[in-house]
Every structure is written in structure tokens, then in C-alpha cells.
Amino acid sequence: MGIVLIMEIKKATIFTSPTCPFCDLAKSFLREKGVDFEEKDILDDLEARREVEDLTGQNGVPVISIDGDIVVGFNKTLLESLITEN
């Protein structure tokens, strides 16, 4: 039997909007993987909108920050690698 290492994610944030289907997919994926995250709605939160623009130069969502690594859009492969990297 092998050793399973579980990486503790220090900080995960997802920037969303209520009408974004890819945001819903990303949140479901993170929950499925057991990742706790803070959600920031860029439509209700001007500061969150500015943060997304500063991080990415755009205002599209989802934008996901995992321990400082930024993922624009729902990129399942990249998210998986960030969650499981040692």
C-alpha cells in the first residue's frame, strides 16, 4: 500500500458572477476535491471586481486563486495539478 500525501491548500478564492455556468462548474469541482474556498461575486463586490482586473487585466470569470497561482476560466486539468502538486 502506497503513501497518500494530502496537500493543505493555504488559500483558495474563486471570483464569480451569478449567471456564470463555468463558475458553477468550478465551484462544484473544488467542493468535490474537498477544497475550501472563499467566493467573491464581482457583480456585488466592487473591490473583488478590481482585484480580478488587477490579477488578470480583464473582468471575466471564473478566476480562481490557489495559494497565489491564478487560473482564468474553468481549466480542470490545471486546477487538478495545483490541488495535487507536492
Protein backbone atom coordinates (compact mmCIF):
# COMPACT_ATOMS: atom_id res chain seq x y z
CA MET A 1 0.00 0.00 0.00
CA GLY A 2 1.40 3.43 -1.00
CA ILE A 3 1.57 6.60 0.99
CA VAL A 4 -1.06 9.20 0.13
CA LEU A 5 0.02 12.78 0.63
CA ILE A 6 -2.68 15.36 1.11
CA MET A 7 -1.61 18.88 0.32
CA GLU A 8 -3.12 21.52 2.54
CA ILE A 9 -4.18 24.50 0.49
CA LYS A 10 -3.44 27.69 2.37
CA LYS A 11 -5.83 29.93 0.48
CA ALA A 12 -8.31 29.37 -2.33
CA THR A 13 -10.51 32.12 -3.71
CA ILE A 14 -12.92 31.99 -6.63
CA PHE A 15 -14.22 35.14 -8.28
CA THR A 16 -17.66 34.55 -9.77
CA SER A 17 -20.87 36.07 -11.04
CA PRO A 18 -24.38 34.68 -10.52
CA THR A 19 -25.04 33.94 -14.21
CA CYS A 20 -21.74 32.19 -14.97
CA PRO A 21 -22.17 28.45 -15.69
CA PHE A 22 -18.39 27.89 -15.68
CA CYS A 23 -18.25 29.41 -12.19
CA ASP A 24 -20.76 26.80 -11.05
CA LEU A 25 -18.67 24.04 -12.62
CA ALA A 26 -15.51 25.34 -10.96
CA LYS A 27 -17.17 25.58 -7.53
CA SER A 28 -18.59 22.06 -7.87
CA PHE A 29 -15.16 20.75 -8.87
CA LEU A 30 -13.46 22.40 -5.90
CA ARG A 31 -16.09 21.07 -3.49
CA GLU A 32 -15.76 17.59 -5.00
CA LYS A 33 -11.99 17.75 -4.37
CA GLY A 34 -12.53 18.91 -0.78
CA VAL A 35 -11.05 22.37 -1.33
CA ASP A 36 -12.38 25.05 0.97
CA PHE A 37 -12.64 28.38 -0.81
CA GLU A 38 -13.83 31.92 -0.42
CA GLU A 39 -16.24 33.08 -3.11
CA LYS A 40 -16.27 36.68 -4.28
CA ASP A 41 -19.07 37.88 -6.56
CA ILE A 42 -17.68 40.55 -8.88
CA LEU A 43 -21.16 41.93 -9.60
CA ASP A 44 -21.90 42.68 -5.93
CA ASP A 45 -18.39 43.49 -4.76
CA LEU A 46 -16.57 46.38 -6.46
CA GLU A 47 -13.34 45.57 -4.61
CA ALA A 48 -13.48 41.96 -5.91
CA ARG A 49 -14.02 43.26 -9.46
CA ARG A 50 -10.95 45.49 -9.13
CA GLU A 51 -8.95 42.59 -7.71
CA VAL A 52 -9.81 40.44 -10.75
CA GLU A 53 -8.81 43.26 -13.09
CA ASP A 54 -5.50 43.69 -11.22
CA LEU A 55 -4.81 39.93 -11.30
CA THR A 56 -5.78 39.27 -14.92
CA GLY A 57 -6.18 42.55 -16.79
CA GLN A 58 -9.77 41.61 -17.57
CA ASN A 59 -13.10 41.16 -15.80
CA GLY A 60 -14.18 37.70 -16.97
CA VAL A 61 -14.94 34.93 -14.52
CA PRO A 62 -14.28 32.45 -13.08
CA VAL A 63 -10.90 33.47 -11.81
CA ILE A 64 -9.50 31.06 -9.25
CA SER A 65 -6.57 31.73 -6.96
CA ILE A 66 -4.99 28.73 -5.25
CA ASP A 67 -2.12 29.67 -2.96
CA GLY A 68 -1.36 32.62 -5.23
CA ASP A 69 -1.49 30.70 -8.52
CA ILE A 70 -4.14 32.21 -10.81
CA VAL A 71 -6.39 30.21 -13.13
CA VAL A 72 -8.58 32.12 -15.56
CA GLY A 73 -11.64 30.13 -16.62
CA PHE A 74 -12.54 26.59 -15.63
CA ASN A 75 -9.40 24.67 -16.52
CA LYS A 76 -9.96 21.34 -14.80
CA THR A 77 -6.53 19.94 -15.68
CA LEU A 78 -4.67 22.96 -14.33
CA LEU A 79 -6.81 23.10 -11.19
CA GLU A 80 -6.20 19.40 -10.57
CA SER A 81 -2.43 19.91 -10.88
CA LEU A 82 -2.47 22.86 -8.46
CA ILE A 83 -4.54 20.93 -5.93
CA THR A 84 -2.42 17.78 -6.04
CA GLU A 85 1.11 19.16 -6.52
CA ASN A 86 3.56 18.25 -3.78
